[in-house]
Amino acid sequence: MTEVPDRLGTGPPTWRVLRKRRFGLFFSGNFVSATGTWLQNIAQAILIFRLTGSTFFVGLVNAAQFLGPVLLAPWAGSAADRYDRRRILFVAQGSSAVIAAILALLSLLGQVTVPILVGCALGIGFGHALSVPATQALLPSLVDEEDIAVGVALNASTFNLARAVGPIAGAFVIAGLGFTWAFMLNSVSFLAVLIALLAVKPRPQHFVRSRRAPLLDSLRVVRSSSTLLLMMVSVAVVSMAADPVTTLTPVFSTTVFAQPDSYTGILVSGFGLGAIIGVSFVAHRVTASIRIVGLALGLLGVGVACFGLSSTAEVGLVSLVLAGVGYLTAVTLATTMIHALIVEEHRGRVMAIWSMSFFGIRPLASLIDGSLESLAGPRTAALCMAAPALLLSGWILRRAAVLRS
C-alpha cells in the first residue's frame, strides 16, 4: 500500500491525454460499446414496463444486470492480476455481444418474455463483472502515472457520454425501428472495443501468483486504509443514489409527467449531460480531495431529491442534470484516490471490490427502489434513495478536518 494525501493532482489537460494513441483508441472503443449498452438498457426498461406495467419488474431487470459483480467480482479481480487483462476483456465483451444478438433474434421472432429479458440482462451482467476489474486495472498502463486522474475521469466519461447519447438514441430507435434494432445495435457496438483491444499496446503487466482466497485478499487490502475504505463506501452510496435514474424514470415519465414512455430516454440523457459537465470539472481541477467528494455526494442527493419532488417534466430534467454533475464528480474523485492508495500488484483485486461497491449494490438498490415505488409511490422512493448520499455528505463535511489528519 502507498500513502495518499488528502488532495491529489489531476494532471495535464484532457486533450493531451486523449491524443495519446494507447488511451485514445481504448477511449473511442469503450464509448461506442457503452453507447450500445445504454441503448439496450433503455430498450429493456421500456419493453419490460410495457409488458408488465410494473416498476418492480423494471427494478428486477436492472437488478439482474448488476448481479454479476456481486457473484463474480472477487474472482474477476484476482483474474485481472493473474492473467492478461486484454484477453479477459476479449472473452467478456465477446460473450456479451453474443447474448445481445440472441436477444435481438428473439425480439425479431416475437418471442421475448419477462424471463428472457431478465435472463439476458443477467448474462450480460456476468460479462460486465469480468470486464470492470480488468478495465480499471488496465487504465494506469495506458496513461502516464501523472495522468491517472485524468484517465480515470475520461474513462468514467465514456460511460456518461454514452448515458447522454445512448438513451435518447434509444428512444428514437425504439419509436422508429423497434426493439429488435436496439438490441442488434448493442451487439454490433461491442466490436468497437474488441478492435480497440487489438490495436492498443499497454505497458507490460506485472502478474501475481497469490494463494490467498480472492475475496479475503481483496478485503484485507481495503481494510488496511481508512481512507480507502471511506472511498469504497462513497462509491457504493453514489451508485445507490443514482438508481432512480434507471428504475423510476419510466413511471415518472408516464404517471407523474404525463409523457410517453420514450421520454425516459430524455430524462436519462439529462443525467448523462450533467455527468459530462462533471467530467469537465474534474479534468480541469488542480486537486482532488475528501471534502470535494463530500460536496459532490450532497449535490447528487439534492438533485435526486428535487427530481422526486418535481411536478413537471422540465423541472425533473434539470434536477437530473444537477444530479449527474454530483454523481460523476463524486465517483471519479473517489476512484482516483483509490488508485493512488494501491500498488500495481493489488490493483485488479482492489478494483474488484470497487466493482462490488459500484455495481454490486445496484441489485439491492433496484429492488428496494422498485418495491418502495410499488408500496409508497415514485416520489417517496426517490427521496428514500437520495437520503444515504445526503447523510454521508453531511458526515464527511462535518469530519473533513479529522479525516485529513
Protein backbone atom coordinates (compact mmCIF):
# COMPACT_ATOMS: atom_id res chain seq x y z
CA MET A 1 0.00 0.00 0.00
CA THR A 2 1.07 3.60 -0.55
CA GLU A 3 0.08 6.65 1.39
CA VAL A 4 -2.18 9.23 -0.21
CA PRO A 5 -2.59 12.87 0.75
CA ASP A 6 -5.99 14.42 1.22
CA ARG A 7 -5.54 16.25 -2.07
CA LEU A 8 -4.24 14.80 -5.32
CA GLY A 9 -3.10 16.46 -8.52
CA THR A 10 -5.26 15.70 -11.52
CA GLY A 11 -2.58 16.23 -14.13
CA PRO A 12 -2.49 17.74 -17.62
CA PRO A 13 -5.35 18.88 -19.88
CA THR A 14 -7.83 16.36 -21.20
CA TRP A 15 -6.94 16.65 -24.89
CA ARG A 16 -3.27 15.84 -24.33
CA VAL A 17 -4.24 12.52 -22.75
CA LEU A 18 -6.78 11.73 -25.48
CA ARG A 19 -4.20 12.35 -28.20
CA LYS A 20 -2.05 9.54 -26.88
CA ARG A 21 -2.71 6.57 -29.15
CA ARG A 22 -2.99 3.89 -26.46
CA PHE A 23 -5.60 5.73 -24.44
CA GLY A 24 -7.39 7.43 -27.35
CA LEU A 25 -8.18 4.16 -29.12
CA PHE A 26 -9.38 2.49 -25.94
CA PHE A 27 -11.50 5.54 -25.05
CA SER A 28 -13.16 5.54 -28.50
CA GLY A 29 -13.91 1.81 -28.47
CA ASN A 30 -15.29 1.99 -24.94
CA PHE A 31 -17.52 4.94 -25.86
CA VAL A 32 -19.10 3.13 -28.81
CA SER A 33 -19.64 -0.02 -26.76
CA ALA A 34 -21.07 1.91 -23.79
CA THR A 35 -23.45 3.79 -26.10
CA GLY A 36 -24.81 0.48 -27.33
CA THR A 37 -25.15 -0.74 -23.74
CA TRP A 38 -27.19 2.31 -22.75
CA LEU A 39 -29.33 1.96 -25.85
CA GLN A 40 -30.17 -1.59 -24.74
CA ASN A 41 -30.66 -0.53 -21.09
CA ILE A 42 -33.37 1.90 -22.12
CA ALA A 43 -34.90 -0.57 -24.55
CA GLN A 44 -35.18 -3.36 -21.97
CA ALA A 45 -36.54 -0.98 -19.31
CA ILE A 46 -39.25 0.36 -21.64
CA LEU A 47 -40.06 -3.10 -23.01
CA ILE A 48 -40.47 -4.72 -19.59
CA PHE A 49 -42.55 -1.75 -18.42
CA ARG A 50 -44.82 -2.20 -21.47
CA LEU A 51 -45.09 -5.94 -20.84
CA THR A 52 -45.89 -5.67 -17.13
CA GLY A 53 -46.82 -2.05 -16.30
CA SER A 54 -44.81 -2.56 -13.10
CA THR A 55 -41.86 -0.56 -11.76
CA PHE A 56 -40.92 -3.58 -9.65
CA PHE A 57 -40.12 -5.54 -12.82
CA VAL A 58 -38.08 -2.62 -14.16
CA GLY A 59 -36.12 -2.83 -10.91
CA LEU A 60 -35.87 -6.60 -11.31
CA VAL A 61 -34.29 -6.44 -14.77
CA ASN A 62 -31.89 -3.74 -13.55
CA ALA A 63 -31.04 -5.90 -10.54
CA ALA A 64 -30.33 -8.88 -12.80
CA GLN A 65 -27.96 -6.79 -14.90
CA PHE A 66 -25.92 -5.81 -11.85
CA LEU A 67 -25.99 -9.16 -10.02
CA GLY A 68 -22.84 -10.34 -11.82
CA PRO A 69 -20.43 -8.08 -9.89
CA VAL A 70 -21.81 -9.39 -6.59
CA LEU A 71 -21.13 -13.01 -7.54
CA LEU A 72 -18.01 -12.77 -9.69
CA ALA A 73 -16.14 -9.58 -8.77
CA PRO A 74 -13.64 -11.06 -6.24
CA TRP A 75 -12.61 -13.80 -8.65
CA ALA A 76 -12.67 -11.41 -11.62
CA GLY A 77 -10.34 -9.09 -9.72
CA SER A 78 -7.95 -11.91 -8.90
CA ALA A 79 -8.01 -12.95 -12.57
CA ALA A 80 -7.16 -9.37 -13.61
CA ASP A 81 -3.98 -9.60 -11.50
CA ARG A 82 -3.09 -13.15 -12.55
CA TYR A 83 -3.91 -13.23 -16.28
CA ASP A 84 -3.68 -11.00 -19.34
CA ARG A 85 -6.27 -8.23 -18.87
CA ARG A 86 -6.85 -7.74 -22.59
CA ARG A 87 -7.70 -11.42 -23.05
CA ILE A 88 -10.17 -11.24 -20.17
CA LEU A 89 -11.84 -8.27 -21.85
CA PHE A 90 -11.99 -10.14 -25.17
CA VAL A 91 -13.87 -13.04 -23.55
CA ALA A 92 -16.21 -10.81 -21.56
CA GLN A 93 -17.07 -8.37 -24.35
CA GLY A 94 -17.42 -11.11 -26.97
CA SER A 95 -19.79 -13.11 -24.76
CA SER A 96 -21.94 -10.02 -24.16
CA ALA A 97 -22.12 -9.38 -27.91
CA VAL A 98 -23.43 -12.92 -28.49
CA ILE A 99 -26.12 -12.58 -25.77
CA ALA A 100 -27.29 -9.23 -27.19
CA ALA A 101 -27.51 -10.81 -30.67
CA ILE A 102 -29.61 -13.69 -29.29
CA LEU A 103 -31.98 -11.20 -27.66
CA ALA A 104 -32.29 -9.32 -30.95
CA LEU A 105 -33.16 -12.57 -32.77
CA LEU A 106 -35.80 -13.48 -30.18
CA SER A 107 -37.24 -9.97 -30.46
CA LEU A 108 -37.41 -10.32 -34.25
CA LEU A 109 -39.32 -13.59 -33.81
CA GLY A 110 -41.66 -12.05 -31.24
CA GLN A 111 -40.56 -14.46 -28.53
CA VAL A 112 -39.29 -12.01 -25.87
CA THR A 113 -40.81 -12.58 -22.43
CA VAL A 114 -40.06 -11.23 -18.97
CA PRO A 115 -37.90 -14.27 -18.00
CA ILE A 116 -35.94 -13.96 -21.26
CA LEU A 117 -35.30 -10.24 -20.68
CA VAL A 118 -34.17 -10.89 -17.11
CA GLY A 119 -32.01 -13.85 -18.19
CA CYS A 120 -30.26 -11.89 -20.94
CA ALA A 121 -29.68 -8.98 -18.57
CA LEU A 122 -28.15 -11.44 -16.10
CA GLY A 123 -25.87 -12.92 -18.78
CA ILE A 124 -24.61 -9.53 -19.95
CA GLY A 125 -24.12 -8.62 -16.29
CA PHE A 126 -21.75 -11.55 -15.84
CA GLY A 127 -19.71 -10.30 -18.80
CA HIS A 128 -19.69 -6.86 -17.22
CA ALA A 129 -18.49 -8.33 -13.93
CA LEU A 130 -15.44 -9.76 -15.70
CA SER A 131 -14.81 -6.55 -17.62
CA VAL A 132 -14.85 -3.94 -14.86
CA PRO A 133 -11.84 -5.02 -12.72
CA ALA A 134 -9.82 -5.76 -15.86
CA THR A 135 -10.66 -2.37 -17.39
CA GLN A 136 -9.98 -0.43 -14.18
CA ALA A 137 -6.69 -2.26 -13.65
CA LEU A 138 -5.68 -1.78 -17.31
CA LEU A 139 -6.23 2.00 -17.26
CA PRO A 140 -2.99 3.01 -15.47
CA SER A 141 -0.95 1.09 -18.07
CA LEU A 142 -2.50 3.19 -20.86
CA VAL A 143 -1.51 6.61 -19.43
CA ASP A 144 1.49 8.14 -17.71
CA GLU A 145 1.50 7.98 -13.92
CA GLU A 146 0.81 11.69 -13.51
CA ASP A 147 -2.17 11.38 -15.88
CA ILE A 148 -4.06 8.71 -13.91
CA ALA A 149 -6.67 11.13 -12.50
CA VAL A 150 -7.49 12.49 -15.96
CA GLY A 151 -7.53 8.94 -17.35
CA VAL A 152 -9.99 7.83 -14.66
CA ALA A 153 -12.19 10.87 -15.34
CA LEU A 154 -12.14 10.24 -19.09
CA ASN A 155 -12.87 6.53 -18.64
CA ALA A 156 -15.86 7.45 -16.47
CA SER A 157 -16.87 9.96 -19.13
CA THR A 158 -17.18 7.24 -21.79
CA PHE A 159 -19.94 5.65 -19.72
CA ASN A 160 -21.58 9.01 -19.11
CA LEU A 161 -21.16 10.41 -22.60
CA ALA A 162 -22.87 7.19 -23.63
CA ARG A 163 -25.51 7.81 -20.96
CA ALA A 164 -26.20 11.17 -22.63
CA VAL A 165 -26.26 9.82 -26.19
CA GLY A 166 -27.49 6.22 -25.84
CA PRO A 167 -30.85 6.74 -24.11
CA ILE A 168 -32.07 9.50 -26.41
CA ALA A 169 -30.85 7.49 -29.41
CA GLY A 170 -32.65 4.50 -27.94
CA ALA A 171 -35.89 6.49 -27.70
CA PHE A 172 -35.68 7.33 -31.42
CA VAL A 173 -34.61 3.81 -32.44
CA ILE A 174 -37.47 2.22 -30.48
CA ALA A 175 -40.01 4.69 -31.85
CA GLY A 176 -38.80 4.42 -35.45
CA LEU A 177 -37.32 0.94 -35.84
CA GLY A 178 -38.38 -1.12 -32.84
CA PHE A 179 -36.75 -3.06 -30.04
CA THR A 180 -35.02 -5.57 -32.34
CA TRP A 181 -32.80 -2.85 -33.80
CA ALA A 182 -31.92 -1.55 -30.35
CA PHE A 183 -30.69 -4.97 -29.24
CA MET A 184 -28.84 -5.62 -32.51
CA LEU A 185 -27.07 -2.25 -32.44
CA ASN A 186 -25.84 -3.06 -28.95
CA SER A 187 -24.47 -6.38 -30.16
CA VAL A 188 -22.58 -4.70 -33.02
CA SER A 189 -21.24 -1.96 -30.72
CA PHE A 190 -19.12 -4.49 -28.81
CA LEU A 191 -16.96 -4.86 -31.94
CA ALA A 192 -15.58 -1.36 -31.37
CA VAL A 193 -13.96 -2.22 -28.05
CA LEU A 194 -12.70 -5.56 -29.42
CA ILE A 195 -10.96 -3.73 -32.29
CA ALA A 196 -9.50 -1.21 -29.84
CA LEU A 197 -8.12 -4.01 -27.67
CA LEU A 198 -6.37 -5.50 -30.70
CA ALA A 199 -4.79 -2.14 -31.53
CA VAL A 200 -3.59 -0.86 -28.13
CA LYS A 201 -0.31 -1.94 -26.56
CA PRO A 202 -0.37 -1.27 -22.81
CA ARG A 203 2.77 -1.25 -20.69
CA PRO A 204 3.84 -4.73 -19.55
CA GLN A 205 1.65 -6.19 -16.82
CA HIS A 206 3.11 -7.48 -13.56
CA PHE A 207 1.45 -10.84 -12.99
CA VAL A 208 0.69 -12.00 -9.45
CA ARG A 209 0.56 -15.55 -8.13
CA SER A 210 -1.39 -15.43 -4.86
CA ARG A 211 -2.51 -18.40 -2.76
CA ARG A 212 -4.92 -16.28 -0.73
CA ALA A 213 -8.66 -16.55 -1.23
CA PRO A 214 -9.55 -13.75 -3.70
CA LEU A 215 -12.29 -12.16 -1.59
CA LEU A 216 -10.33 -12.27 1.67
CA ASP A 217 -7.21 -10.91 -0.02
CA SER A 218 -9.17 -8.02 -1.55
CA LEU A 219 -10.87 -7.16 1.74
CA ARG A 220 -7.56 -7.26 3.59
CA VAL A 221 -6.11 -4.64 1.25
CA VAL A 222 -9.17 -2.38 1.51
CA ARG A 223 -9.34 -2.59 5.32
CA SER A 224 -5.69 -1.59 5.64
CA SER A 225 -6.53 2.08 4.94
CA SER A 226 -9.40 4.06 6.45
CA THR A 227 -9.36 6.50 3.51
CA LEU A 228 -9.56 3.65 1.02
CA LEU A 229 -12.49 2.15 2.93
CA LEU A 230 -14.29 5.52 3.03
CA MET A 231 -13.87 5.98 -0.72
CA MET A 232 -15.29 2.49 -1.33
CA VAL A 233 -18.31 3.33 0.82
CA SER A 234 -18.72 6.62 -1.06
CA VAL A 235 -18.72 4.78 -4.40
CA ALA A 236 -21.43 2.40 -3.13
CA VAL A 237 -23.60 5.29 -1.88
CA VAL A 238 -23.21 7.12 -5.21
CA SER A 239 -24.41 4.04 -7.05
CA MET A 240 -27.40 3.59 -4.75
CA ALA A 241 -28.46 7.24 -5.01
CA ALA A 242 -28.29 7.11 -8.81
CA ASP A 243 -30.61 4.09 -9.13
CA PRO A 244 -33.82 6.14 -9.62
CA VAL A 245 -32.35 7.33 -12.94
CA THR A 246 -32.98 3.88 -14.42
CA THR A 247 -35.65 2.36 -12.16
CA LEU A 248 -38.04 5.29 -11.61
CA THR A 249 -37.80 7.29 -14.85
CA PRO A 250 -40.33 5.14 -16.76
CA VAL A 251 -43.04 5.69 -14.13
CA PHE A 252 -42.15 9.37 -13.70
CA SER A 253 -42.38 9.86 -17.47
CA THR A 254 -45.83 8.31 -17.82
CA THR A 255 -47.55 8.78 -14.46
CA VAL A 256 -46.05 11.94 -12.97
CA PHE A 257 -45.12 13.96 -16.06
CA ALA A 258 -47.86 12.62 -18.40
CA GLN A 259 -45.32 11.99 -21.19
CA PRO A 260 -44.90 8.95 -23.46
CA ASP A 261 -42.68 6.19 -22.08
CA SER A 262 -39.96 7.12 -24.60
CA TYR A 263 -39.43 10.32 -22.56
CA THR A 264 -37.46 8.01 -20.25
CA GLY A 265 -34.58 8.28 -22.72
CA ILE A 266 -34.57 12.08 -22.47
CA LEU A 267 -34.53 12.01 -18.66
CA VAL A 268 -31.64 9.56 -18.55
CA SER A 269 -29.78 11.60 -21.17
CA GLY A 270 -30.22 14.67 -18.96
CA PHE A 271 -28.44 12.83 -16.16
CA GLY A 272 -25.70 11.88 -18.63
CA LEU A 273 -25.38 15.52 -19.71
CA GLY A 274 -24.80 16.51 -16.10
CA ALA A 275 -22.13 13.82 -15.87
CA ILE A 276 -20.37 15.31 -18.90
CA ILE A 277 -20.33 18.67 -17.13
CA GLY A 278 -18.86 16.84 -14.14
CA VAL A 279 -16.09 15.41 -16.35
CA SER A 280 -15.10 18.92 -17.41
CA PHE A 281 -14.98 19.99 -13.75
CA VAL A 282 -12.90 17.01 -12.62
CA ALA A 283 -10.45 17.01 -15.54
CA HIS A 284 -9.53 20.68 -15.02
CA ARG A 285 -9.37 20.78 -11.21
CA VAL A 286 -5.93 21.16 -9.67
CA THR A 287 -6.67 18.85 -6.74
CA ALA A 288 -9.00 16.06 -5.66
CA SER A 289 -9.99 15.97 -2.00
CA ILE A 290 -12.14 14.12 0.50
CA ARG A 291 -14.08 17.35 1.06
CA ILE A 292 -14.93 17.66 -2.66
CA VAL A 293 -16.17 14.06 -2.63
CA GLY A 294 -18.46 15.01 0.25
CA LEU A 295 -19.76 18.10 -1.57
CA ALA A 296 -20.38 16.08 -4.74
CA LEU A 297 -22.33 13.46 -2.77
CA GLY A 298 -24.51 16.27 -1.43
CA LEU A 299 -25.11 17.63 -4.92
CA LEU A 300 -26.15 14.17 -6.13
CA GLY A 301 -28.52 13.73 -3.19
CA VAL A 302 -30.09 17.16 -3.69
CA GLY A 303 -30.56 16.53 -7.41
CA VAL A 304 -32.28 13.15 -6.90
CA ALA A 305 -34.47 14.59 -4.12
CA CYS A 306 -35.52 17.51 -6.34
CA PHE A 307 -36.33 15.03 -9.10
CA GLY A 308 -38.54 13.13 -6.66
CA LEU A 309 -40.37 16.33 -5.71
CA SER A 310 -40.69 17.73 -9.25
CA SER A 311 -44.14 18.08 -10.76
CA THR A 312 -43.19 18.99 -14.34
CA ALA A 313 -41.01 17.27 -16.90
CA GLU A 314 -38.78 20.35 -17.25
CA VAL A 315 -38.00 20.56 -13.52
CA GLY A 316 -37.39 16.81 -13.41
CA LEU A 317 -34.94 17.05 -16.31
CA VAL A 318 -32.99 19.96 -14.76
CA SER A 319 -32.85 18.11 -11.43
CA LEU A 320 -31.31 15.06 -13.10
CA VAL A 321 -28.71 17.24 -14.86
CA LEU A 322 -27.72 18.59 -11.43
CA ALA A 323 -27.61 15.07 -10.00
CA GLY A 324 -25.41 13.96 -12.90
CA VAL A 325 -22.78 16.59 -12.08
CA GLY A 326 -22.59 15.39 -8.47
CA TYR A 327 -22.59 11.73 -9.48
CA LEU A 328 -19.65 11.93 -11.88
CA THR A 329 -17.60 14.24 -9.66
CA ALA A 330 -18.01 12.02 -6.60
CA VAL A 331 -17.33 8.68 -8.25
CA THR A 332 -14.36 9.92 -10.30
CA LEU A 333 -12.54 11.64 -7.45
CA ALA A 334 -13.20 8.71 -5.11
CA THR A 335 -11.87 6.29 -7.74
CA THR A 336 -8.81 8.49 -8.34
CA MET A 337 -7.96 8.40 -4.64
CA ILE A 338 -8.41 4.62 -4.60
CA HIS A 339 -5.91 4.25 -7.47
CA ALA A 340 -3.43 6.46 -5.60
CA LEU A 341 -3.68 4.27 -2.49
CA ILE A 342 -2.85 0.92 -4.09
CA VAL A 343 0.21 -0.66 -5.65
CA GLU A 344 0.15 -2.35 -9.05
CA GLU A 345 0.06 -5.97 -7.85
CA HIS A 346 -3.12 -5.29 -5.84
CA ARG A 347 -4.87 -3.20 -8.46
CA GLY A 348 -7.09 -5.87 -10.01
CA ARG A 349 -8.29 -7.26 -6.68
CA VAL A 350 -8.95 -3.84 -5.16
CA MET A 351 -10.80 -2.71 -8.27
CA ALA A 352 -12.91 -5.86 -7.92
CA ILE A 353 -14.07 -4.50 -4.56
CA TRP A 354 -14.68 -1.19 -6.34
CA SER A 355 -16.80 -3.13 -8.83
CA MET A 356 -18.77 -4.72 -5.98
CA SER A 357 -19.21 -1.31 -4.35
CA PHE A 358 -20.35 0.46 -7.51
CA PHE A 359 -22.18 -2.24 -9.44
CA GLY A 360 -22.79 -4.85 -6.76
CA ILE A 361 -25.01 -2.54 -4.72
CA ARG A 362 -27.29 -1.98 -7.70
CA PRO A 363 -29.34 -5.22 -7.50
CA LEU A 364 -30.29 -4.42 -3.91
CA ALA A 365 -30.84 -0.73 -4.72
CA SER A 366 -33.03 -1.53 -7.73
CA LEU A 367 -35.18 -3.99 -5.78
CA ILE A 368 -35.54 -1.55 -2.87
CA ASP A 369 -36.33 1.28 -5.28
CA GLY A 370 -38.94 -0.72 -7.22
CA SER A 371 -40.52 -2.07 -4.04
CA LEU A 372 -40.73 1.39 -2.43
CA GLU A 373 -42.39 2.75 -5.55
CA SER A 374 -44.96 -0.07 -5.53
CA LEU A 375 -45.71 0.46 -1.83
CA ALA A 376 -45.44 4.25 -1.39
CA GLY A 377 -45.23 5.83 -4.84
CA PRO A 378 -42.40 7.19 -7.00
CA ARG A 379 -41.81 10.40 -5.03
CA THR A 380 -41.23 8.59 -1.73
CA ALA A 381 -38.96 6.07 -3.46
CA ALA A 382 -36.79 8.82 -4.98
CA LEU A 383 -36.48 10.66 -1.66
CA CYS A 384 -35.51 7.48 0.17
CA MET A 385 -32.81 6.67 -2.39
CA ALA A 386 -31.39 10.21 -2.10
CA ALA A 387 -31.15 10.02 1.71
CA PRO A 388 -27.91 7.93 2.01
CA ALA A 389 -25.99 10.37 -0.21
CA LEU A 390 -27.20 13.35 1.82
CA LEU A 391 -26.36 11.67 5.13
CA LEU A 392 -22.87 10.56 4.07
CA SER A 393 -22.20 14.00 2.59
CA GLY A 394 -23.08 15.65 5.88
CA TRP A 395 -20.91 13.20 7.85
CA ILE A 396 -17.87 13.74 5.58
CA LEU A 397 -18.18 17.53 5.64
CA ARG A 398 -18.54 17.62 9.44
CA ARG A 399 -15.48 15.38 9.90
CA ALA A 400 -13.36 16.66 6.99
CA ALA A 401 -10.63 18.02 9.25
CA VAL A 402 -10.38 14.74 11.21
CA LEU A 403 -10.34 12.70 8.00
CA ARG A 404 -7.50 14.81 6.58
CA SER A 405 -5.36 14.06 9.61
